[in-house]
Amino acid sequence: MQKFTDNLLIHIGKWAKSHTSEDRVALAGGVALNAKANMELYYSRIFNDIFIFPAANDAGGPIGAAAYVYEHVLGGKMQHGRLKNVYLGPEYDDEEIKKVVQDSKFKAEYVGDDVNPIADIITKGGIVTWYQGRAELGPRALGSRSIVADPTRRDYWRLVNDIKGREWWRPLAPSLLDEDKDVYFKDPTSHEFMILMFRYKDEEVCERVPVTCHVDLTARPQTVTRDQNKTWYDLIKAFKDLKGEGLIMNTSFNLAGEPLVETPQDAIRSFAVKGFDAMYMQGWIIYKR
């Protein structure tokens, strides 16, 4: 079925190209969340540029509704431009975060934007939950509601999936410095939304970060620039300074059968009941032990 989907998307791409002569394409709709099929279309080189709307499924409906009302009801004019980030969800101010942290009774310290202690915990084998700023639009955790771990520790593939209550074989994704994407992947492009897969350059590169390398030597990465998400970028950079890899394991901060955590209280509850070692919560480090 996956191969059929891959071939069908390429067939439609060729049809669209022949009928329009356009060299850029935008994808939306539920099938556009199929990162593997998107990868096959990308590597086919039918188009020079591919944009995939991050909330491509029905969850993106409110964006279209808002655009329609803005232009057709309110008389506005939509601006043209490429979406660069999806940090569009709710956020919680520092005082609310502080109260939740203090009420939790966990040991905690305030470090602000200094993410070096978190990078140190990850390097030493800690599995860390990460909560900051506005929630992500769409189904992917992109550095606002994430679980982070060292991608070089092979057994963490099974361990992280076990903590989340998922099957052990489920892939885990990488977030990496945008400037390092060519270090890891074949002919990559910047992709902020984690719905386009790439092939690793070779098996040797894959072996360096086995937690984020699927069995077919692919991954579904998020490339990160400092302009898009300063603190998230700084964490990956700090990990690179310690470990030598400009890439971390990033999976969504949720437990089995649950959506991504949303409120600070959600985050504390999920952190408390599972085998995480520490949490970064908007300037605070919370320790399990």
C-alpha atoms as a PDB file:
ATOM      1  CA  MET A   1       0.000   0.000   0.000  1.00  0.00           C
ATOM      2  CA  GLN A   2       2.871   2.369   0.797  1.00  0.00           C
ATOM      3  CA  LYS A   3       4.538   1.630  -2.546  1.00  0.00           C
ATOM      4  CA  PHE A   4       1.231   2.207  -4.315  1.00  0.00           C
ATOM      5  CA  THR A   5       0.900   5.578  -2.571  1.00  0.00           C
ATOM      6  CA  ASP A   6       4.477   6.528  -3.503  1.00  0.00           C
ATOM      7  CA  ASN A   7       3.887   5.695  -7.167  1.00  0.00           C
ATOM      8  CA  LEU A   8       0.508   7.430  -7.259  1.00  0.00           C
ATOM      9  CA  LEU A   9       1.912  10.671  -5.841  1.00  0.00           C
ATOM     10  CA  ILE A  10       4.725  10.662  -8.405  1.00  0.00           C
ATOM     11  CA  HIS A  11       2.195   9.942 -11.196  1.00  0.00           C
ATOM     12  CA  ILE A  12       0.015  12.875 -10.086  1.00  0.00           C
ATOM     13  CA  GLY A  13       3.127  15.058  -9.817  1.00  0.00           C
ATOM     14  CA  LYS A  14       4.150  14.264 -13.386  1.00  0.00           C
ATOM     15  CA  TRP A  15       0.591  14.904 -14.595  1.00  0.00           C
ATOM     16  CA  ALA A  16       0.463  18.270 -12.813  1.00  0.00           C
ATOM     17  CA  LYS A  17       3.876  19.268 -14.164  1.00  0.00           C
ATOM     18  CA  SER A  18       2.930  18.375 -17.748  1.00  0.00           C
ATOM     19  CA  HIS A  19      -0.307  20.365 -17.542  1.00  0.00           C
ATOM     20  CA  THR A  20       1.070  23.479 -15.855  1.00  0.00           C
ATOM     21  CA  SER A  21       4.838  23.578 -16.506  1.00  0.00           C
ATOM     22  CA  GLU A  22       5.222  24.801 -12.921  1.00  0.00           C
ATOM     23  CA  ASP A  23       8.426  23.818 -11.139  1.00  0.00           C
ATOM     24  CA  ARG A  24       7.111  24.338  -7.585  1.00  0.00           C
ATOM     25  CA  VAL A  25       4.368  22.422  -5.815  1.00  0.00           C
ATOM     26  CA  ALA A  26       2.448  22.764  -2.543  1.00  0.00           C
ATOM     27  CA  LEU A  27       0.830  19.758  -0.879  1.00  0.00           C
ATOM     28  CA  ALA A  28      -2.119  19.582   1.519  1.00  0.00           C
ATOM     29  CA  GLY A  29      -4.717  16.984   2.475  1.00  0.00           C
ATOM     30  CA  GLY A  30      -4.329  13.990   4.750  1.00  0.00           C
ATOM     31  CA  VAL A  31      -2.097  12.046   2.346  1.00  0.00           C
ATOM     32  CA  ALA A  32       0.380  14.940   2.480  1.00  0.00           C
ATOM     33  CA  LEU A  33       1.236  13.770   6.010  1.00  0.00           C
ATOM     34  CA  ASN A  34       2.714  10.613   4.449  1.00  0.00           C
ATOM     35  CA  ALA A  35       6.348  11.626   4.845  1.00  0.00           C
ATOM     36  CA  LYS A  36       7.634   8.587   2.943  1.00  0.00           C
ATOM     37  CA  ALA A  37       5.574   9.364  -0.179  1.00  0.00           C
ATOM     38  CA  ASN A  38       6.612  13.016   0.118  1.00  0.00           C
ATOM     39  CA  MET A  39      10.250  11.851   0.147  1.00  0.00           C
ATOM     40  CA  GLU A  40       9.789   9.862  -3.066  1.00  0.00           C
ATOM     41  CA  LEU A  41       8.242  12.902  -4.769  1.00  0.00           C
ATOM     42  CA  TYR A  42      11.096  15.076  -3.500  1.00  0.00           C
ATOM     43  CA  TYR A  43      13.839  12.755  -4.776  1.00  0.00           C
ATOM     44  CA  SER A  44      12.048  12.284  -8.115  1.00  0.00           C
ATOM     45  CA  ARG A  45      13.080  15.885  -8.959  1.00  0.00           C
ATOM     46  CA  ILE A  46       9.834  16.474 -10.827  1.00  0.00           C
ATOM     47  CA  PHE A  47       9.676  19.818  -9.029  1.00  0.00           C
ATOM     48  CA  ASN A  48      12.465  22.130  -7.931  1.00  0.00           C
ATOM     49  CA  ASP A  49      10.685  23.100  -4.722  1.00  0.00           C
ATOM     50  CA  ILE A  50       8.102  21.371  -2.520  1.00  0.00           C
ATOM     51  CA  PHE A  51       6.078  22.993   0.256  1.00  0.00           C
ATOM     52  CA  ILE A  52       3.952  20.795   2.527  1.00  0.00           C
ATOM     53  CA  PHE A  53       1.450  22.522   4.781  1.00  0.00           C
ATOM     54  CA  PRO A  54       2.303  21.401   8.343  1.00  0.00           C
ATOM     55  CA  ALA A  55      -1.320  20.750   9.375  1.00  0.00           C
ATOM     56  CA  ALA A  56      -2.141  19.078   6.066  1.00  0.00           C
ATOM     57  CA  ASN A  57      -5.024  16.987   7.400  1.00  0.00           C
ATOM     58  CA  ASP A  58      -8.401  18.144   8.700  1.00  0.00           C
ATOM     59  CA  ALA A  59      -6.641  19.899  11.587  1.00  0.00           C
ATOM     60  CA  GLY A  60      -5.660  22.584   9.069  1.00  0.00           C
ATOM     61  CA  GLY A  61      -9.293  23.440   8.385  1.00  0.00           C
ATOM     62  CA  PRO A  62      -9.367  26.422  10.777  1.00  0.00           C
ATOM     63  CA  ILE A  63      -6.502  28.053   8.843  1.00  0.00           C
ATOM     64  CA  GLY A  64      -8.464  27.844   5.602  1.00  0.00           C
ATOM     65  CA  ALA A  65     -11.621  29.061   7.344  1.00  0.00           C
ATOM     66  CA  ALA A  66      -9.781  32.065   8.763  1.00  0.00           C
ATOM     67  CA  ALA A  67      -8.268  32.859   5.351  1.00  0.00           C
ATOM     68  CA  TYR A  68     -11.680  32.637   3.689  1.00  0.00           C
ATOM     69  CA  VAL A  69     -13.341  34.926   6.231  1.00  0.00           C
ATOM     70  CA  TYR A  70     -10.449  37.414   6.042  1.00  0.00           C
ATOM     71  CA  GLU A  71     -10.687  37.769   2.256  1.00  0.00           C
ATOM     72  CA  HIS A  72     -14.329  37.050   1.426  1.00  0.00           C
ATOM     73  CA  VAL A  73     -16.139  38.380   4.496  1.00  0.00           C
ATOM     74  CA  LEU A  74     -13.874  41.079   5.913  1.00  0.00           C
ATOM     75  CA  GLY A  75     -12.512  42.225   2.553  1.00  0.00           C
ATOM     76  CA  GLY A  76      -8.829  41.757   3.393  1.00  0.00           C
ATOM     77  CA  LYS A  77      -6.079  40.659   1.046  1.00  0.00           C
ATOM     78  CA  MET A  78      -3.923  37.679   1.944  1.00  0.00           C
ATOM     79  CA  GLN A  79      -0.182  38.298   1.825  1.00  0.00           C
ATOM     80  CA  HIS A  80       1.972  35.873  -0.121  1.00  0.00           C
ATOM     81  CA  GLY A  81       4.872  34.263   1.698  1.00  0.00           C
ATOM     82  CA  ARG A  82       6.311  30.969   2.869  1.00  0.00           C
ATOM     83  CA  LEU A  83       5.329  29.744   6.323  1.00  0.00           C
ATOM     84  CA  LYS A  84       8.516  29.479   8.383  1.00  0.00           C
ATOM     85  CA  ASN A  85       7.271  28.199  11.727  1.00  0.00           C
ATOM     86  CA  VAL A  86       4.138  26.772  13.307  1.00  0.00           C
ATOM     87  CA  TYR A  87       4.400  28.067  16.865  1.00  0.00           C
ATOM     88  CA  LEU A  88       0.833  29.363  16.729  1.00  0.00           C
ATOM     89  CA  GLY A  89      -0.868  27.578  19.631  1.00  0.00           C
ATOM     90  CA  PRO A  90      -1.563  28.658  23.212  1.00  0.00           C
ATOM     91  CA  GLU A  91       1.192  29.894  25.505  1.00  0.00           C
ATOM     92  CA  TYR A  92       1.425  30.429  29.258  1.00  0.00           C
ATOM     93  CA  ASP A  93       3.137  33.332  30.987  1.00  0.00           C
ATOM     94  CA  ASP A  94       6.155  32.968  33.252  1.00  0.00           C
ATOM     95  CA  GLU A  95       4.199  33.548  36.460  1.00  0.00           C
ATOM     96  CA  GLU A  96       1.803  30.709  35.681  1.00  0.00           C
ATOM     97  CA  ILE A  97       4.717  28.427  34.827  1.00  0.00           C
ATOM     98  CA  LYS A  98       6.475  29.359  38.073  1.00  0.00           C
ATOM     99  CA  LYS A  99       3.384  28.552  40.144  1.00  0.00           C
ATOM    100  CA  VAL A 100       2.920  25.160  38.450  1.00  0.00           C
ATOM    101  CA  VAL A 101       6.600  24.297  39.009  1.00  0.00           C
ATOM    102  CA  GLN A 102       6.491  25.277  42.678  1.00  0.00           C
ATOM    103  CA  ASP A 103       3.200  23.462  43.277  1.00  0.00           C
ATOM    104  CA  SER A 104       4.635  20.270  41.767  1.00  0.00           C
ATOM    105  CA  LYS A 105       6.969  19.722  44.758  1.00  0.00           C
ATOM    106  CA  PHE A 106       9.706  18.468  42.422  1.00  0.00           C
ATOM    107  CA  LYS A 107      13.224  19.762  42.889  1.00  0.00           C
ATOM    108  CA  ALA A 108      13.636  22.637  40.420  1.00  0.00           C
ATOM    109  CA  GLU A 109      15.963  25.489  39.527  1.00  0.00           C
ATOM    110  CA  TYR A 110      15.554  28.473  37.259  1.00  0.00           C
ATOM    111  CA  VAL A 111      18.167  28.713  34.472  1.00  0.00           C
ATOM    112  CA  GLY A 112      16.387  30.978  31.986  1.00  0.00           C
ATOM    113  CA  ASP A 113      17.692  30.526  28.442  1.00  0.00           C
ATOM    114  CA  ASP A 114      20.845  28.706  29.568  1.00  0.00           C
ATOM    115  CA  VAL A 115      20.195  25.257  28.119  1.00  0.00           C
ATOM    116  CA  ASN A 116      23.701  23.917  28.748  1.00  0.00           C
ATOM    117  CA  PRO A 117      22.622  21.990  31.895  1.00  0.00           C
ATOM    118  CA  ILE A 118      19.915  20.236  29.851  1.00  0.00           C
ATOM    119  CA  ALA A 119      22.403  19.359  27.110  1.00  0.00           C
ATOM    120  CA  ASP A 120      24.686  17.946  29.802  1.00  0.00           C
ATOM    121  CA  ILE A 121      21.865  15.758  31.200  1.00  0.00           C
ATOM    122  CA  ILE A 122      21.078  14.427  27.714  1.00  0.00           C
ATOM    123  CA  THR A 123      24.738  13.726  26.963  1.00  0.00           C
ATOM    124  CA  LYS A 124      24.983  11.706  30.186  1.00  0.00           C
ATOM    125  CA  GLY A 125      22.012   9.550  29.195  1.00  0.00           C
ATOM    126  CA  GLY A 126      19.076  11.446  30.658  1.00  0.00           C
ATOM    127  CA  ILE A 127      15.722  11.400  28.871  1.00  0.00           C
ATOM    128  CA  VAL A 128      14.305  14.900  29.069  1.00  0.00           C
ATOM    129  CA  THR A 129      10.892  16.385  28.408  1.00  0.00           C
ATOM    130  CA  TRP A 130      10.864  19.851  26.861  1.00  0.00           C
ATOM    131  CA  TYR A 131       8.090  22.418  27.268  1.00  0.00           C
ATOM    132  CA  GLN A 132       8.326  26.033  26.161  1.00  0.00           C
ATOM    133  CA  GLY A 133       6.457  28.815  24.409  1.00  0.00           C
ATOM    134  CA  ARG A 134       3.506  28.487  22.075  1.00  0.00           C
ATOM    135  CA  ALA A 135       2.330  25.022  21.093  1.00  0.00           C
ATOM    136  CA  GLU A 136       2.903  23.716  17.582  1.00  0.00           C
ATOM    137  CA  LEU A 137       0.210  23.707  14.912  1.00  0.00           C
ATOM    138  CA  GLY A 138      -0.146  20.248  13.412  1.00  0.00           C
ATOM    139  CA  PRO A 139       0.781  16.726  14.529  1.00  0.00           C
ATOM    140  CA  ARG A 140       4.563  17.083  14.974  1.00  0.00           C
ATOM    141  CA  ALA A 141       6.521  18.114  18.053  1.00  0.00           C
ATOM    142  CA  LEU A 142       8.929  20.811  16.898  1.00  0.00           C
ATOM    143  CA  GLY A 143      10.610  22.016  20.041  1.00  0.00           C
ATOM    144  CA  SER A 144       7.681  23.281  22.083  1.00  0.00           C
ATOM    145  CA  ARG A 145       6.232  19.982  23.369  1.00  0.00           C
ATOM    146  CA  SER A 146       9.005  17.405  22.884  1.00  0.00           C
ATOM    147  CA  ILE A 147      10.849  14.471  24.431  1.00  0.00           C
ATOM    148  CA  VAL A 148      14.602  14.660  23.871  1.00  0.00           C
ATOM    149  CA  ALA A 149      17.334  12.025  24.128  1.00  0.00           C
ATOM    150  CA  ASP A 150      20.853  11.209  22.948  1.00  0.00           C
ATOM    151  CA  PRO A 151      20.566   9.731  19.406  1.00  0.00           C
ATOM    152  CA  THR A 152      23.886   7.872  19.691  1.00  0.00           C
ATOM    153  CA  ARG A 153      22.670   5.388  22.341  1.00  0.00           C
ATOM    154  CA  ARG A 154      21.274   2.490  20.292  1.00  0.00           C
ATOM    155  CA  ASP A 155      19.130   1.010  23.078  1.00  0.00           C
ATOM    156  CA  TYR A 156      17.230   4.288  23.460  1.00  0.00           C
ATOM    157  CA  TRP A 157      15.123   3.442  20.419  1.00  0.00           C
ATOM    158  CA  ARG A 158      13.446   0.741  22.473  1.00  0.00           C
ATOM    159  CA  LEU A 159      13.626   2.635  25.781  1.00  0.00           C
ATOM    160  CA  VAL A 160      11.938   5.855  24.600  1.00  0.00           C
ATOM    161  CA  ASN A 161       9.191   3.941  22.818  1.00  0.00           C
ATOM    162  CA  ASP A 162       8.665   1.889  25.972  1.00  0.00           C
ATOM    163  CA  ILE A 163       8.321   5.019  28.114  1.00  0.00           C
ATOM    164  CA  LYS A 164       5.766   6.429  25.677  1.00  0.00           C
ATOM    165  CA  GLY A 165       3.876   3.129  25.534  1.00  0.00           C
ATOM    166  CA  ARG A 166       4.535   2.609  21.817  1.00  0.00           C
ATOM    167  CA  GLU A 167       5.680  -0.470  19.890  1.00  0.00           C
ATOM    168  CA  TRP A 168       9.480  -0.783  20.110  1.00  0.00           C
ATOM    169  CA  TRP A 169       9.971  -0.592  16.337  1.00  0.00           C
ATOM    170  CA  ARG A 170       8.269   2.785  15.869  1.00  0.00           C
ATOM    171  CA  PRO A 171      10.680   5.318  14.288  1.00  0.00           C
ATOM    172  CA  LEU A 172      12.006   8.225  16.331  1.00  0.00           C
ATOM    173  CA  ALA A 173      12.799  11.471  14.567  1.00  0.00           C
ATOM    174  CA  PRO A 174      15.780  13.838  14.650  1.00  0.00           C
ATOM    175  CA  SER A 175      15.920  17.597  15.036  1.00  0.00           C
ATOM    176  CA  LEU A 176      19.147  19.044  13.716  1.00  0.00           C
ATOM    177  CA  LEU A 177      20.953  22.283  13.038  1.00  0.00           C
ATOM    178  CA  ASP A 178      19.949  23.503   9.595  1.00  0.00           C
ATOM    179  CA  GLU A 179      23.586  24.095   8.668  1.00  0.00           C
ATOM    180  CA  ASP A 180      24.402  20.436   9.403  1.00  0.00           C
ATOM    181  CA  LYS A 181      21.741  18.838   7.208  1.00  0.00           C
ATOM    182  CA  ASP A 182      24.278  17.966   4.478  1.00  0.00           C
ATOM    183  CA  VAL A 183      26.412  16.192   7.076  1.00  0.00           C
ATOM    184  CA  TYR A 184      23.707  13.567   7.569  1.00  0.00           C
ATOM    185  CA  PHE A 185      21.406  13.389   4.546  1.00  0.00           C
ATOM    186  CA  LYS A 186      21.506  12.909   0.771  1.00  0.00           C
ATOM    187  CA  ASP A 187      20.631  16.092  -1.123  1.00  0.00           C
ATOM    188  CA  PRO A 188      18.488  17.554   1.672  1.00  0.00           C
ATOM    189  CA  THR A 189      16.621  20.825   1.789  1.00  0.00           C
ATOM    190  CA  SER A 190      15.625  22.900   4.803  1.00  0.00           C
ATOM    191  CA  HIS A 191      12.404  21.493   6.201  1.00  0.00           C
ATOM    192  CA  GLU A 192      10.970  22.847   9.426  1.00  0.00           C
ATOM    193  CA  PHE A 193       7.827  20.744   9.821  1.00  0.00           C
ATOM    194  CA  MET A 194       8.930  17.096  10.016  1.00  0.00           C
ATOM    195  CA  ILE A 195       6.639  15.765   7.275  1.00  0.00           C
ATOM    196  CA  LEU A 196       9.281  15.116   4.625  1.00  0.00           C
ATOM    197  CA  MET A 197      11.707  12.210   4.995  1.00  0.00           C
ATOM    198  CA  PHE A 198      15.298  12.107   3.726  1.00  0.00           C
ATOM    199  CA  ARG A 199      17.770   9.303   3.133  1.00  0.00           C
ATOM    200  CA  TYR A 200      20.900   9.221   5.266  1.00  0.00           C
ATOM    201  CA  LYS A 201      24.110   9.636   3.282  1.00  0.00           C
ATOM    202  CA  ASP A 202      25.284   6.114   4.047  1.00  0.00           C
ATOM    203  CA  GLU A 203      25.190   3.380   6.675  1.00  0.00           C
ATOM    204  CA  GLU A 204      28.234   4.771   8.463  1.00  0.00           C
ATOM    205  CA  VAL A 205      26.474   8.092   9.107  1.00  0.00           C
ATOM    206  CA  CYS A 206      23.379   6.209  10.213  1.00  0.00           C
ATOM    207  CA  GLU A 207      25.411   4.200  12.711  1.00  0.00           C
ATOM    208  CA  ARG A 208      26.516   7.424  14.414  1.00  0.00           C
ATOM    209  CA  VAL A 209      22.905   8.269  15.330  1.00  0.00           C
ATOM    210  CA  PRO A 210      21.128   4.872  15.360  1.00  0.00           C
ATOM    211  CA  VAL A 211      18.169   6.023  17.470  1.00  0.00           C
ATOM    212  CA  THR A 212      16.982   8.318  14.658  1.00  0.00           C
ATOM    213  CA  CYS A 213      17.865   6.016  11.751  1.00  0.00           C
ATOM    214  CA  HIS A 214      15.045   3.782  10.555  1.00  0.00           C
ATOM    215  CA  VAL A 215      15.714   0.326   9.109  1.00  0.00           C
ATOM    216  CA  ASP A 216      15.671   1.645   5.527  1.00  0.00           C
ATOM    217  CA  LEU A 217      18.309   4.309   6.361  1.00  0.00           C
ATOM    218  CA  THR A 218      15.794   7.147   6.373  1.00  0.00           C
ATOM    219  CA  ALA A 219      14.570   9.711   8.882  1.00  0.00           C
ATOM    220  CA  ARG A 220      11.860  12.350   9.171  1.00  0.00           C
ATOM    221  CA  PRO A 221      13.909  15.329  10.350  1.00  0.00           C
ATOM    222  CA  GLN A 222      13.237  18.860  11.496  1.00  0.00           C
ATOM    223  CA  THR A 223      15.878  21.383  10.445  1.00  0.00           C
ATOM    224  CA  VAL A 224      16.251  24.232  12.927  1.00  0.00           C
ATOM    225  CA  THR A 225      17.610  27.766  12.619  1.00  0.00           C
ATOM    226  CA  ARG A 226      18.158  30.160  15.502  1.00  0.00           C
ATOM    227  CA  ASP A 227      15.713  32.646  13.981  1.00  0.00           C
ATOM    228  CA  GLN A 228      12.927  30.063  14.050  1.00  0.00           C
ATOM    229  CA  ASN A 229      13.390  28.877  17.634  1.00  0.00           C
ATOM    230  CA  LYS A 230      16.310  30.307  19.582  1.00  0.00           C
ATOM    231  CA  THR A 231      16.194  28.091  22.686  1.00  0.00           C
ATOM    232  CA  TRP A 232      15.600  24.885  20.723  1.00  0.00           C
ATOM    233  CA  TYR A 233      18.486  25.707  18.379  1.00  0.00           C
ATOM    234  CA  ASP A 234      20.744  26.515  21.326  1.00  0.00           C
ATOM    235  CA  LEU A 235      19.966  23.123  22.905  1.00  0.00           C
ATOM    236  CA  ILE A 236      21.009  21.242  19.762  1.00  0.00           C
ATOM    237  CA  LYS A 237      24.119  23.412  19.441  1.00  0.00           C
ATOM    238  CA  ALA A 238      25.044  22.783  23.095  1.00  0.00           C
ATOM    239  CA  PHE A 239      24.591  19.036  22.558  1.00  0.00           C
ATOM    240  CA  LYS A 240      26.848  19.238  19.499  1.00  0.00           C
ATOM    241  CA  ASP A 241      29.521  21.053  21.509  1.00  0.00           C
ATOM    242  CA  LEU A 242      29.480  18.207  24.040  1.00  0.00           C
ATOM    243  CA  LYS A 243      28.877  15.167  21.838  1.00  0.00           C
ATOM    244  CA  GLY A 244      29.987  16.200  18.351  1.00  0.00           C
ATOM    245  CA  GLU A 245      26.625  15.532  16.682  1.00  0.00           C
ATOM    246  CA  GLY A 246      24.477  18.490  15.598  1.00  0.00           C
ATOM    247  CA  LEU A 247      21.375  16.313  15.879  1.00  0.00           C
ATOM    248  CA  ILE A 248      19.174  15.177  18.770  1.00  0.00           C
ATOM    249  CA  MET A 249      16.344  12.680  19.087  1.00  0.00           C
ATOM    250  CA  ASN A 250      13.028  14.492  19.232  1.00  0.00           C
ATOM    251  CA  THR A 251       9.652  12.841  19.646  1.00  0.00           C
ATOM    252  CA  SER A 252       6.315  14.225  20.759  1.00  0.00           C
ATOM    253  CA  PHE A 253       5.705  14.851  24.462  1.00  0.00           C
ATOM    254  CA  ASN A 254       2.710  12.601  25.003  1.00  0.00           C
ATOM    255  CA  LEU A 255       1.963   9.187  26.420  1.00  0.00           C
ATOM    256  CA  ALA A 256       0.175   6.284  24.728  1.00  0.00           C
ATOM    257  CA  GLY A 257      -3.299   7.162  23.501  1.00  0.00           C
ATOM    258  CA  GLU A 258      -2.971  10.832  24.440  1.00  0.00           C
ATOM    259  CA  PRO A 259      -2.478  14.004  22.377  1.00  0.00           C
ATOM    260  CA  LEU A 260       0.572  16.213  22.850  1.00  0.00           C
ATOM    261  CA  VAL A 261       0.647  17.839  26.271  1.00  0.00           C
ATOM    262  CA  GLU A 262      -0.812  21.307  26.166  1.00  0.00           C
ATOM    263  CA  THR A 263      -1.033  23.032  29.558  1.00  0.00           C
ATOM    264  CA  PRO A 264       1.797  23.175  32.114  1.00  0.00           C
ATOM    265  CA  GLN A 265      -0.330  20.919  34.309  1.00  0.00           C
ATOM    266  CA  ASP A 266      -0.518  18.349  31.473  1.00  0.00           C
ATOM    267  CA  ALA A 267       3.262  18.439  31.204  1.00  0.00           C
ATOM    268  CA  ILE A 268       3.840  17.941  34.950  1.00  0.00           C
ATOM    269  CA  ARG A 269       1.391  15.030  35.092  1.00  0.00           C
ATOM    270  CA  SER A 270       2.971  13.179  32.152  1.00  0.00           C
ATOM    271  CA  PHE A 271       6.467  13.909  33.454  1.00  0.00           C
ATOM    272  CA  ALA A 272       5.531  12.546  36.883  1.00  0.00           C
ATOM    273  CA  VAL A 273       4.059   9.210  35.826  1.00  0.00           C
ATOM    274  CA  LYS A 274       6.719   7.996  33.409  1.00  0.00           C
ATOM    275  CA  GLY A 275      10.460   7.323  33.434  1.00  0.00           C
ATOM    276  CA  PHE A 276      11.790  10.727  32.459  1.00  0.00           C
ATOM    277  CA  ASP A 277      14.867  12.116  34.198  1.00  0.00           C
ATOM    278  CA  ALA A 278      14.328  15.869  33.928  1.00  0.00           C
ATOM    279  CA  MET A 279      12.152  18.489  32.272  1.00  0.00           C
ATOM    280  CA  TYR A 280      12.936  21.905  30.853  1.00  0.00           C
ATOM    281  CA  MET A 281       9.856  24.062  31.365  1.00  0.00           C
ATOM    282  CA  GLN A 282      10.184  27.586  30.040  1.00  0.00           C
ATOM    283  CA  GLY A 283      13.366  28.467  31.907  1.00  0.00           C
ATOM    284  CA  TRP A 284      13.029  25.941  34.732  1.00  0.00           C
ATOM    285  CA  ILE A 285      14.790  22.598  35.064  1.00  0.00           C
ATOM    286  CA  ILE A 286      12.705  20.100  37.018  1.00  0.00           C
ATOM    287  CA  TYR A 287      14.445  17.006  38.324  1.00  0.00           C
ATOM    288  CA  LYS A 288      12.830  13.632  38.898  1.00  0.00           C
ATOM    289  CA  ARG A 289      15.542  12.633  41.393  1.00  0.00           C
END
